[in-house]
Amino acid sequence: MLPFQPVKLGDKGKADEYLSKQNYRICEHCFTDLFIWKDHYDTQLCFLDGFILVKMATFPEKIPMYLAPIGTGDLKQVLLAMEADAQERGIAFTLCSIPEPMIAEIEAVLPGRYVIQDYPDGADYIYAADKLQTLSGKKLQSKRNFVNRFKKTYEGRWSYEDMTDENMEEAFQFHLHWCETGNNCPNGTMYSGETCAVSLALNNREALGMKGGLLRLDGKVIAFTMGCPVSEDTYVVQLEKAEASIPGAYPMINQQFAQHQFDGYTYVNREDDLGLEGLRKAKQSYHPVMMGKKFTAVKA
């Protein structure tokens, strides 16, 4: 069997080196995503012949799967090694999060070996960074209206600040509040995993290269967000929470973070919608410039 080991913070340097060999802009190609969700998805890593290999399990079913190998080298031999690993473990071989451009690469080295299917619920929403900063244009008029109304209604009462060691505990407490109110946490088990991810992100913020921001109203945190680069031209937003009962809180934290962190980046990946209709509508309302489509593959 391949020497998979639970992902750890010390893997970041080597993982980043391998991950930088390709730029598909999807969130699974960001070490931070792999690390903060490691307990939720039982994430394990293995480095093999120029590739980083990732073994995970679905939630909540805990069905084991492999991410498409990331790196450069003999793709055919690495795929066959992954198949052999699955066979030795007595599990079905399934590749997930295959970027669309990679399908041709797999077919070129192992033609007809896999049945490849689209996984629309996993597609990442990728936006133009400057559009999230300015909210310019007719398509984003409603977002501008929310932001302008928020600023007018709460003039002199709101503030934005970068996340620091001094205020990150307030962000965590807001996350707990967010989980306990409204319809934010329809599945307690799912959000226990998310709480773990938030905690790992906050406590390892600098080591992961993450930046964050908090939005306050009358001194009280009403939103926070965190993210990091996935490539030279793309930034990923991993976490975003806001007080949904306050109109404009979500658009405000979105735009404020964009204005403070996205300079120098062309694109922003705000990850997938998990197949949740409300989240899908919210992400579509910002009009992505492209979708980071992902596919799954099983042996034919």
C-alpha atoms as a PDB file:
ATOM      1  CA  MET A   1       0.000   0.000   0.000  1.00  0.00           C
ATOM      2  CA  LEU A   2       1.051   3.578  -0.561  1.00  0.00           C
ATOM      3  CA  PRO A   3       2.365   5.354   2.552  1.00  0.00           C
ATOM      4  CA  PHE A   4      -0.568   7.692   3.150  1.00  0.00           C
ATOM      5  CA  GLN A   5      -0.339   9.699   6.381  1.00  0.00           C
ATOM      6  CA  PRO A   6      -2.761  12.160   8.007  1.00  0.00           C
ATOM      7  CA  VAL A   7      -2.121  15.658   6.674  1.00  0.00           C
ATOM      8  CA  LYS A   8      -0.092  17.814   9.036  1.00  0.00           C
ATOM      9  CA  LEU A   9       1.044  21.418   9.051  1.00  0.00           C
ATOM     10  CA  GLY A  10       4.629  20.392   8.340  1.00  0.00           C
ATOM     11  CA  ASP A  11       3.535  19.087   4.924  1.00  0.00           C
ATOM     12  CA  LYS A  12       2.759  22.590   3.667  1.00  0.00           C
ATOM     13  CA  GLY A  13       6.115  23.444   2.098  1.00  0.00           C
ATOM     14  CA  LYS A  14       6.412  20.259   0.053  1.00  0.00           C
ATOM     15  CA  ALA A  15       2.698  20.207  -0.767  1.00  0.00           C
ATOM     16  CA  ASP A  16       2.803  23.788  -2.045  1.00  0.00           C
ATOM     17  CA  GLU A  17       5.729  22.893  -4.291  1.00  0.00           C
ATOM     18  CA  TYR A  18       3.745  20.084  -5.920  1.00  0.00           C
ATOM     19  CA  LEU A  19       0.472  21.996  -6.018  1.00  0.00           C
ATOM     20  CA  SER A  20       2.138  24.902  -7.821  1.00  0.00           C
ATOM     21  CA  LYS A  21       2.928  22.664 -10.813  1.00  0.00           C
ATOM     22  CA  GLN A  22      -0.665  23.045 -12.052  1.00  0.00           C
ATOM     23  CA  ASN A  23      -3.072  25.958 -11.946  1.00  0.00           C
ATOM     24  CA  TYR A  24      -6.632  24.709 -12.188  1.00  0.00           C
ATOM     25  CA  ARG A  25      -7.728  27.288  -9.555  1.00  0.00           C
ATOM     26  CA  ILE A  26      -9.894  24.768  -7.647  1.00  0.00           C
ATOM     27  CA  CYS A  27     -10.019  24.793  -3.868  1.00  0.00           C
ATOM     28  CA  GLU A  28      -8.802  21.199  -3.422  1.00  0.00           C
ATOM     29  CA  HIS A  29      -5.489  22.341  -4.887  1.00  0.00           C
ATOM     30  CA  CYS A  30      -4.974  24.641  -1.904  1.00  0.00           C
ATOM     31  CA  PHE A  31      -3.107  23.104   1.047  1.00  0.00           C
ATOM     32  CA  THR A  32      -5.124  25.225   3.458  1.00  0.00           C
ATOM     33  CA  ASP A  33      -8.357  23.551   2.357  1.00  0.00           C
ATOM     34  CA  LEU A  34      -6.823  20.110   2.770  1.00  0.00           C
ATOM     35  CA  PHE A  35      -5.535  21.003   6.238  1.00  0.00           C
ATOM     36  CA  ILE A  36      -8.485  22.752   7.853  1.00  0.00           C
ATOM     37  CA  TRP A  37     -10.942  20.071   6.690  1.00  0.00           C
ATOM     38  CA  LYS A  38      -8.596  17.159   7.438  1.00  0.00           C
ATOM     39  CA  ASP A  39     -10.597  15.796  10.385  1.00  0.00           C
ATOM     40  CA  HIS A  40     -13.928  16.221   8.624  1.00  0.00           C
ATOM     41  CA  TYR A  41     -12.842  14.275   5.538  1.00  0.00           C
ATOM     42  CA  ASP A  42     -10.151  12.018   7.062  1.00  0.00           C
ATOM     43  CA  THR A  43      -7.613  13.578   4.709  1.00  0.00           C
ATOM     44  CA  GLN A  44      -4.307  11.788   4.155  1.00  0.00           C
ATOM     45  CA  LEU A  45      -1.355  12.663   1.905  1.00  0.00           C
ATOM     46  CA  CYS A  46       1.315  10.745   0.055  1.00  0.00           C
ATOM     47  CA  PHE A  47       4.093  12.046  -2.193  1.00  0.00           C
ATOM     48  CA  LEU A  48       4.938   9.774  -5.122  1.00  0.00           C
ATOM     49  CA  ASP A  49       7.154  10.318  -8.175  1.00  0.00           C
ATOM     50  CA  GLY A  50       6.517  14.040  -8.572  1.00  0.00           C
ATOM     51  CA  PHE A  51       2.865  13.956  -7.516  1.00  0.00           C
ATOM     52  CA  ILE A  52       0.970  14.698  -4.344  1.00  0.00           C
ATOM     53  CA  LEU A  53      -1.716  12.098  -3.740  1.00  0.00           C
ATOM     54  CA  VAL A  54      -4.683  12.694  -1.462  1.00  0.00           C
ATOM     55  CA  LYS A  55      -6.994  10.097   0.064  1.00  0.00           C
ATOM     56  CA  MET A  56     -10.199  11.324   1.673  1.00  0.00           C
ATOM     57  CA  ALA A  57     -13.638  10.096   2.720  1.00  0.00           C
ATOM     58  CA  THR A  58     -17.030  11.559   1.901  1.00  0.00           C
ATOM     59  CA  PHE A  59     -19.168  13.045   4.641  1.00  0.00           C
ATOM     60  CA  PRO A  60     -21.192  11.694   6.342  1.00  0.00           C
ATOM     61  CA  GLU A  61     -21.060   8.341   4.517  1.00  0.00           C
ATOM     62  CA  LYS A  62     -17.281   7.987   4.946  1.00  0.00           C
ATOM     63  CA  ILE A  63     -16.814   6.478   1.478  1.00  0.00           C
ATOM     64  CA  PRO A  64     -13.080   6.551   0.647  1.00  0.00           C
ATOM     65  CA  MET A  65     -11.980   8.371  -2.494  1.00  0.00           C
ATOM     66  CA  TYR A  66      -8.787   9.723  -4.022  1.00  0.00           C
ATOM     67  CA  LEU A  67      -8.250  13.202  -5.383  1.00  0.00           C
ATOM     68  CA  ALA A  68      -6.889  13.335  -8.903  1.00  0.00           C
ATOM     69  CA  PRO A  69      -3.066  13.309  -8.577  1.00  0.00           C
ATOM     70  CA  ILE A  70      -1.476  16.740  -8.627  1.00  0.00           C
ATOM     71  CA  GLY A  71       1.990  17.374  -9.999  1.00  0.00           C
ATOM     72  CA  THR A  72       4.179  16.415 -12.948  1.00  0.00           C
ATOM     73  CA  GLY A  73       5.639  13.119 -14.062  1.00  0.00           C
ATOM     74  CA  ASP A  74       4.384   9.746 -15.269  1.00  0.00           C
ATOM     75  CA  LEU A  75       0.645  10.157 -14.742  1.00  0.00           C
ATOM     76  CA  LYS A  76      -0.149   6.665 -16.014  1.00  0.00           C
ATOM     77  CA  GLN A  77       2.060   4.897 -13.506  1.00  0.00           C
ATOM     78  CA  VAL A  78       0.810   7.039 -10.639  1.00  0.00           C
ATOM     79  CA  LEU A  79      -2.829   6.289 -11.498  1.00  0.00           C
ATOM     80  CA  LEU A  80      -2.073   2.572 -11.675  1.00  0.00           C
ATOM     81  CA  ALA A  81      -0.295   2.791  -8.313  1.00  0.00           C
ATOM     82  CA  MET A  82      -3.390   4.440  -6.818  1.00  0.00           C
ATOM     83  CA  GLU A  83      -5.586   1.689  -8.263  1.00  0.00           C
ATOM     84  CA  ALA A  84      -3.314  -0.928  -6.698  1.00  0.00           C
ATOM     85  CA  ASP A  85      -3.482   0.894  -3.367  1.00  0.00           C
ATOM     86  CA  ALA A  86      -7.279   0.804  -3.430  1.00  0.00           C
ATOM     87  CA  GLN A  87      -7.255  -2.904  -4.268  1.00  0.00           C
ATOM     88  CA  GLU A  88      -4.894  -3.693  -1.397  1.00  0.00           C
ATOM     89  CA  ARG A  89      -7.115  -1.726   0.977  1.00  0.00           C
ATOM     90  CA  GLY A  90     -10.196  -3.534  -0.275  1.00  0.00           C
ATOM     91  CA  ILE A  91     -11.960  -0.353  -1.379  1.00  0.00           C
ATOM     92  CA  ALA A  92     -13.458   0.741  -4.684  1.00  0.00           C
ATOM     93  CA  PHE A  93     -11.195   3.006  -6.726  1.00  0.00           C
ATOM     94  CA  THR A  94     -12.807   6.392  -7.261  1.00  0.00           C
ATOM     95  CA  LEU A  95     -11.082   9.595  -8.371  1.00  0.00           C
ATOM     96  CA  CYS A  96     -12.794  12.832  -7.360  1.00  0.00           C
ATOM     97  CA  SER A  97     -12.252  16.553  -7.933  1.00  0.00           C
ATOM     98  CA  ILE A  98     -10.807  16.009 -11.384  1.00  0.00           C
ATOM     99  CA  PRO A  99     -10.432  19.443 -13.026  1.00  0.00           C
ATOM    100  CA  GLU A 100     -12.035  19.569 -16.452  1.00  0.00           C
ATOM    101  CA  PRO A 101      -8.750  20.154 -18.356  1.00  0.00           C
ATOM    102  CA  MET A 102      -7.241  17.087 -16.691  1.00  0.00           C
ATOM    103  CA  ILE A 103      -9.754  14.699 -18.261  1.00  0.00           C
ATOM    104  CA  ALA A 104      -7.872  14.813 -21.570  1.00  0.00           C
ATOM    105  CA  GLU A 105      -4.599  14.100 -19.758  1.00  0.00           C
ATOM    106  CA  ILE A 106      -6.051  11.004 -18.093  1.00  0.00           C
ATOM    107  CA  GLU A 107      -7.620   9.790 -21.328  1.00  0.00           C
ATOM    108  CA  ALA A 108      -4.316  10.267 -23.138  1.00  0.00           C
ATOM    109  CA  VAL A 109      -2.421   7.899 -20.821  1.00  0.00           C
ATOM    110  CA  LEU A 110      -5.209   5.412 -20.011  1.00  0.00           C
ATOM    111  CA  PRO A 111      -7.786   5.693 -22.815  1.00  0.00           C
ATOM    112  CA  GLY A 112     -11.212   4.281 -22.007  1.00  0.00           C
ATOM    113  CA  ARG A 113     -10.148   2.960 -18.612  1.00  0.00           C
ATOM    114  CA  TYR A 114     -12.511   5.146 -16.590  1.00  0.00           C
ATOM    115  CA  VAL A 115     -16.126   6.249 -16.662  1.00  0.00           C
ATOM    116  CA  ILE A 116     -15.926   9.988 -16.010  1.00  0.00           C
ATOM    117  CA  GLN A 117     -18.940  11.974 -14.803  1.00  0.00           C
ATOM    118  CA  ASP A 118     -19.588  15.600 -13.978  1.00  0.00           C
ATOM    119  CA  TYR A 119     -20.146  16.515 -10.328  1.00  0.00           C
ATOM    120  CA  PRO A 120     -21.997  19.853 -10.523  1.00  0.00           C
ATOM    121  CA  ASP A 121     -22.502  20.257  -6.758  1.00  0.00           C
ATOM    122  CA  GLY A 122     -18.725  20.394  -6.365  1.00  0.00           C
ATOM    123  CA  ALA A 123     -17.998  23.086  -8.958  1.00  0.00           C
ATOM    124  CA  ASP A 124     -16.207  26.152  -7.592  1.00  0.00           C
ATOM    125  CA  TYR A 125     -17.506  29.653  -8.276  1.00  0.00           C
ATOM    126  CA  ILE A 126     -14.685  31.814  -9.619  1.00  0.00           C
ATOM    127  CA  TYR A 127     -15.081  35.580  -9.905  1.00  0.00           C
ATOM    128  CA  ALA A 128     -13.176  38.557 -11.263  1.00  0.00           C
ATOM    129  CA  ALA A 129     -11.350  40.061  -8.280  1.00  0.00           C
ATOM    130  CA  ASP A 130     -11.878  43.646  -9.411  1.00  0.00           C
ATOM    131  CA  LYS A 131     -15.630  43.112  -9.704  1.00  0.00           C
ATOM    132  CA  LEU A 132     -15.848  41.942  -6.086  1.00  0.00           C
ATOM    133  CA  GLN A 133     -13.878  45.023  -5.064  1.00  0.00           C
ATOM    134  CA  THR A 134     -15.974  47.590  -6.956  1.00  0.00           C
ATOM    135  CA  LEU A 135     -19.330  45.830  -7.484  1.00  0.00           C
ATOM    136  CA  SER A 136     -19.481  47.780 -10.733  1.00  0.00           C
ATOM    137  CA  GLY A 137     -21.892  47.089 -13.561  1.00  0.00           C
ATOM    138  CA  LYS A 138     -25.590  46.437 -13.908  1.00  0.00           C
ATOM    139  CA  LYS A 139     -25.376  42.789 -12.876  1.00  0.00           C
ATOM    140  CA  LEU A 140     -24.062  43.723  -9.437  1.00  0.00           C
ATOM    141  CA  GLN A 141     -26.337  46.706  -8.852  1.00  0.00           C
ATOM    142  CA  SER A 142     -28.338  44.919  -6.160  1.00  0.00           C
ATOM    143  CA  LYS A 143     -25.103  44.155  -4.257  1.00  0.00           C
ATOM    144  CA  ARG A 144     -24.054  47.801  -4.490  1.00  0.00           C
ATOM    145  CA  ASN A 145     -27.468  48.798  -3.192  1.00  0.00           C
ATOM    146  CA  PHE A 146     -27.121  46.522  -0.171  1.00  0.00           C
ATOM    147  CA  VAL A 147     -23.656  47.897   0.603  1.00  0.00           C
ATOM    148  CA  ASN A 148     -24.672  51.532   0.145  1.00  0.00           C
ATOM    149  CA  ARG A 149     -27.774  51.042   2.277  1.00  0.00           C
ATOM    150  CA  PHE A 150     -25.728  49.393   5.009  1.00  0.00           C
ATOM    151  CA  LYS A 151     -23.217  52.242   5.019  1.00  0.00           C
ATOM    152  CA  LYS A 152     -25.959  54.867   5.138  1.00  0.00           C
ATOM    153  CA  THR A 153     -28.024  53.125   7.801  1.00  0.00           C
ATOM    154  CA  TYR A 154     -25.058  52.443  10.065  1.00  0.00           C
ATOM    155  CA  GLU A 155     -22.913  55.479   9.293  1.00  0.00           C
ATOM    156  CA  GLY A 156     -20.385  55.990  12.060  1.00  0.00           C
ATOM    157  CA  ARG A 157     -21.389  52.708  13.692  1.00  0.00           C
ATOM    158  CA  TRP A 158     -19.636  50.095  11.547  1.00  0.00           C
ATOM    159  CA  SER A 159     -15.965  49.255  11.065  1.00  0.00           C
ATOM    160  CA  TYR A 160     -13.777  46.702   9.327  1.00  0.00           C
ATOM    161  CA  GLU A 161     -10.499  45.396  10.682  1.00  0.00           C
ATOM    162  CA  ASP A 162      -7.913  42.807   9.748  1.00  0.00           C
ATOM    163  CA  MET A 163      -7.932  39.601  11.757  1.00  0.00           C
ATOM    164  CA  THR A 164      -5.202  39.426  14.395  1.00  0.00           C
ATOM    165  CA  ASP A 165      -4.246  37.297  17.370  1.00  0.00           C
ATOM    166  CA  GLU A 166      -6.095  39.807  19.520  1.00  0.00           C
ATOM    167  CA  ASN A 167      -9.480  39.574  17.796  1.00  0.00           C
ATOM    168  CA  MET A 168      -9.561  36.015  16.441  1.00  0.00           C
ATOM    169  CA  GLU A 169     -11.302  34.710  19.576  1.00  0.00           C
ATOM    170  CA  GLU A 170     -14.154  37.105  18.833  1.00  0.00           C
ATOM    171  CA  ALA A 171     -14.369  35.607  15.359  1.00  0.00           C
ATOM    172  CA  PHE A 172     -14.593  32.122  16.828  1.00  0.00           C
ATOM    173  CA  GLN A 173     -17.292  33.164  19.276  1.00  0.00           C
ATOM    174  CA  PHE A 174     -19.227  34.707  16.411  1.00  0.00           C
ATOM    175  CA  HIS A 175     -18.960  31.413  14.530  1.00  0.00           C
ATOM    176  CA  LEU A 176     -20.498  29.607  17.513  1.00  0.00           C
ATOM    177  CA  HIS A 177     -23.260  32.210  17.658  1.00  0.00           C
ATOM    178  CA  TRP A 178     -23.801  31.819  13.899  1.00  0.00           C
ATOM    179  CA  CYS A 179     -24.203  28.074  14.333  1.00  0.00           C
ATOM    180  CA  GLU A 180     -26.683  28.471  17.158  1.00  0.00           C
ATOM    181  CA  THR A 181     -29.036  30.944  15.474  1.00  0.00           C
ATOM    182  CA  GLY A 182     -31.428  30.900  12.542  1.00  0.00           C
ATOM    183  CA  ASN A 183     -31.150  28.084  10.023  1.00  0.00           C
ATOM    184  CA  ASN A 184     -27.376  28.198   9.751  1.00  0.00           C
ATOM    185  CA  CYS A 185     -26.810  24.720  11.185  1.00  0.00           C
ATOM    186  CA  PRO A 186     -29.398  22.279   9.851  1.00  0.00           C
ATOM    187  CA  ASN A 187     -27.034  19.372  10.500  1.00  0.00           C
ATOM    188  CA  GLY A 188     -25.271  19.433  13.843  1.00  0.00           C
ATOM    189  CA  THR A 189     -22.722  16.821  12.817  1.00  0.00           C
ATOM    190  CA  MET A 190     -21.803  18.727   9.662  1.00  0.00           C
ATOM    191  CA  TYR A 191     -21.229  21.917  11.585  1.00  0.00           C
ATOM    192  CA  SER A 192     -19.205  20.258  14.326  1.00  0.00           C
ATOM    193  CA  GLY A 193     -16.814  19.515  11.474  1.00  0.00           C
ATOM    194  CA  GLU A 194     -17.022  23.110  10.338  1.00  0.00           C
ATOM    195  CA  THR A 195     -16.296  24.342  13.850  1.00  0.00           C
ATOM    196  CA  CYS A 196     -13.144  22.221  13.823  1.00  0.00           C
ATOM    197  CA  ALA A 197     -12.179  23.735  10.451  1.00  0.00           C
ATOM    198  CA  VAL A 198     -12.741  27.269  11.766  1.00  0.00           C
ATOM    199  CA  SER A 199     -10.638  26.513  14.829  1.00  0.00           C
ATOM    200  CA  LEU A 200      -7.773  25.084  12.762  1.00  0.00           C
ATOM    201  CA  ALA A 201      -7.883  28.072  10.413  1.00  0.00           C
ATOM    202  CA  LEU A 202      -7.836  30.605  13.226  1.00  0.00           C
ATOM    203  CA  ASN A 203      -5.133  28.935  15.303  1.00  0.00           C
ATOM    204  CA  ASN A 204      -2.844  28.257  12.335  1.00  0.00           C
ATOM    205  CA  ARG A 205      -3.624  31.415  10.398  1.00  0.00           C
ATOM    206  CA  GLU A 206      -0.090  32.684   9.881  1.00  0.00           C
ATOM    207  CA  ALA A 207       1.464  29.271   9.210  1.00  0.00           C
ATOM    208  CA  LEU A 208      -1.190  28.627   6.548  1.00  0.00           C
ATOM    209  CA  GLY A 209      -0.675  32.037   4.942  1.00  0.00           C
ATOM    210  CA  MET A 210      -4.280  32.985   5.630  1.00  0.00           C
ATOM    211  CA  LYS A 211      -5.651  36.490   6.015  1.00  0.00           C
ATOM    212  CA  GLY A 212      -8.927  37.415   7.626  1.00  0.00           C
ATOM    213  CA  GLY A 213     -11.221  40.319   8.323  1.00  0.00           C
ATOM    214  CA  LEU A 214     -13.936  41.225  10.808  1.00  0.00           C
ATOM    215  CA  LEU A 215     -16.940  43.496  10.373  1.00  0.00           C
ATOM    216  CA  ARG A 216     -18.245  45.251  13.474  1.00  0.00           C
ATOM    217  CA  LEU A 217     -21.449  47.107  14.238  1.00  0.00           C
ATOM    218  CA  ASP A 218     -21.485  49.186  17.411  1.00  0.00           C
ATOM    219  CA  GLY A 219     -18.273  47.400  18.349  1.00  0.00           C
ATOM    220  CA  LYS A 220     -19.783  43.920  18.078  1.00  0.00           C
ATOM    221  CA  VAL A 221     -18.573  41.388  15.491  1.00  0.00           C
ATOM    222  CA  ILE A 222     -21.321  40.719  12.947  1.00  0.00           C
ATOM    223  CA  ALA A 223     -19.216  38.979  10.274  1.00  0.00           C
ATOM    224  CA  PHE A 224     -15.815  37.521   9.575  1.00  0.00           C
ATOM    225  CA  THR A 225     -14.052  35.904   6.642  1.00  0.00           C
ATOM    226  CA  MET A 226     -10.743  34.166   5.872  1.00  0.00           C
ATOM    227  CA  GLY A 227      -8.829  33.139   2.783  1.00  0.00           C
ATOM    228  CA  CYS A 228      -5.464  32.637   1.106  1.00  0.00           C
ATOM    229  CA  PRO A 229      -3.910  32.338  -2.372  1.00  0.00           C
ATOM    230  CA  VAL A 230      -4.296  29.092  -4.326  1.00  0.00           C
ATOM    231  CA  SER A 231      -2.049  30.269  -7.175  1.00  0.00           C
ATOM    232  CA  GLU A 232      -0.289  33.388  -8.406  1.00  0.00           C
ATOM    233  CA  ASP A 233      -3.472  34.752  -9.973  1.00  0.00           C
ATOM    234  CA  THR A 234      -6.225  33.298  -7.759  1.00  0.00           C
ATOM    235  CA  TYR A 235      -7.291  33.852  -4.159  1.00  0.00           C
ATOM    236  CA  VAL A 236      -9.581  31.413  -2.313  1.00  0.00           C
ATOM    237  CA  VAL A 237     -12.123  32.417   0.330  1.00  0.00           C
ATOM    238  CA  GLN A 238     -12.459  29.422   2.627  1.00  0.00           C
ATOM    239  CA  LEU A 239     -14.653  30.876   5.360  1.00  0.00           C
ATOM    240  CA  GLU A 240     -17.321  33.567   5.488  1.00  0.00           C
ATOM    241  CA  LYS A 241     -19.942  34.065   8.209  1.00  0.00           C
ATOM    242  CA  ALA A 242     -22.264  37.008   8.736  1.00  0.00           C
ATOM    243  CA  GLU A 243     -25.329  37.961  10.741  1.00  0.00           C
ATOM    244  CA  ALA A 244     -28.030  37.178   8.201  1.00  0.00           C
ATOM    245  CA  SER A 245     -30.597  39.173  10.196  1.00  0.00           C
ATOM    246  CA  ILE A 246     -28.681  42.374   9.396  1.00  0.00           C
ATOM    247  CA  PRO A 247     -29.372  43.369   5.767  1.00  0.00           C
ATOM    248  CA  GLY A 248     -26.138  43.940   3.892  1.00  0.00           C
ATOM    249  CA  ALA A 249     -23.843  42.191   6.383  1.00  0.00           C
ATOM    250  CA  TYR A 250     -22.834  39.512   3.891  1.00  0.00           C
ATOM    251  CA  PRO A 251     -22.224  41.887   0.940  1.00  0.00           C
ATOM    252  CA  MET A 252     -20.284  44.213   3.246  1.00  0.00           C
ATOM    253  CA  ILE A 253     -17.849  41.624   4.591  1.00  0.00           C
ATOM    254  CA  ASN A 254     -17.487  40.270   1.063  1.00  0.00           C
ATOM    255  CA  GLN A 255     -16.578  43.621  -0.445  1.00  0.00           C
ATOM    256  CA  GLN A 256     -14.466  44.846   2.461  1.00  0.00           C
ATOM    257  CA  PHE A 257     -12.318  41.721   2.380  1.00  0.00           C
ATOM    258  CA  ALA A 258     -12.014  42.034  -1.394  1.00  0.00           C
ATOM    259  CA  GLN A 259     -10.843  45.626  -1.103  1.00  0.00           C
ATOM    260  CA  HIS A 260      -8.297  44.783   1.578  1.00  0.00           C
ATOM    261  CA  GLN A 261      -6.880  41.498   0.245  1.00  0.00           C
ATOM    262  CA  PHE A 262      -7.437  40.935  -3.466  1.00  0.00           C
ATOM    263  CA  ASP A 263      -5.014  43.463  -4.965  1.00  0.00           C
ATOM    264  CA  GLY A 264      -2.677  41.683  -7.359  1.00  0.00           C
ATOM    265  CA  TYR A 265      -5.064  38.784  -8.007  1.00  0.00           C
ATOM    266  CA  THR A 266      -7.134  38.313 -11.147  1.00  0.00           C
ATOM    267  CA  TYR A 267      -9.592  35.761  -9.813  1.00  0.00           C
ATOM    268  CA  VAL A 268     -11.286  34.831  -6.551  1.00  0.00           C
ATOM    269  CA  ASN A 269     -12.505  31.304  -5.878  1.00  0.00           C
ATOM    270  CA  ARG A 270     -15.414  31.277  -3.423  1.00  0.00           C
ATOM    271  CA  GLU A 271     -15.666  27.484  -3.499  1.00  0.00           C
ATOM    272  CA  ASP A 272     -18.711  25.312  -4.190  1.00  0.00           C
ATOM    273  CA  ASP A 273     -22.347  25.435  -3.101  1.00  0.00           C
ATOM    274  CA  LEU A 274     -22.545  21.912  -1.613  1.00  0.00           C
ATOM    275  CA  GLY A 275     -25.736  21.410  -3.606  1.00  0.00           C
ATOM    276  CA  LEU A 276     -27.601  23.739  -1.219  1.00  0.00           C
ATOM    277  CA  GLU A 277     -30.163  25.816  -3.111  1.00  0.00           C
ATOM    278  CA  GLY A 278     -29.839  28.915  -0.938  1.00  0.00           C
ATOM    279  CA  LEU A 279     -26.058  28.908  -1.162  1.00  0.00           C
ATOM    280  CA  ARG A 280     -26.247  28.298  -4.909  1.00  0.00           C
ATOM    281  CA  LYS A 281     -28.472  31.335  -5.436  1.00  0.00           C
ATOM    282  CA  ALA A 282     -26.192  33.478  -3.283  1.00  0.00           C
ATOM    283  CA  LYS A 283     -23.073  32.479  -5.220  1.00  0.00           C
ATOM    284  CA  GLN A 284     -24.784  32.825  -8.596  1.00  0.00           C
ATOM    285  CA  SER A 285     -25.958  36.314  -7.656  1.00  0.00           C
ATOM    286  CA  TYR A 286     -22.346  37.531  -7.803  1.00  0.00           C
ATOM    287  CA  HIS A 287     -22.061  36.303 -11.422  1.00  0.00           C
ATOM    288  CA  PRO A 288     -18.912  34.171 -11.623  1.00  0.00           C
ATOM    289  CA  VAL A 289     -16.716  34.590 -14.677  1.00  0.00           C
ATOM    290  CA  MET A 290     -16.066  30.847 -14.753  1.00  0.00           C
ATOM    291  CA  MET A 291     -16.838  27.647 -12.901  1.00  0.00           C
ATOM    292  CA  GLY A 292     -14.134  25.367 -11.591  1.00  0.00           C
ATOM    293  CA  LYS A 293     -15.858  22.221 -12.817  1.00  0.00           C
ATOM    294  CA  LYS A 294     -14.913  18.919 -11.219  1.00  0.00           C
ATOM    295  CA  PHE A 295     -15.482  15.342 -12.302  1.00  0.00           C
ATOM    296  CA  THR A 296     -15.378  11.885 -10.772  1.00  0.00           C
ATOM    297  CA  ALA A 297     -13.989   8.729 -12.346  1.00  0.00           C
ATOM    298  CA  VAL A 298     -14.450   5.040 -11.666  1.00  0.00           C
ATOM    299  CA  LYS A 299     -13.015   2.064 -13.529  1.00  0.00           C
ATOM    300  CA  ALA A 300     -15.052   1.144 -16.595  1.00  0.00           C
END
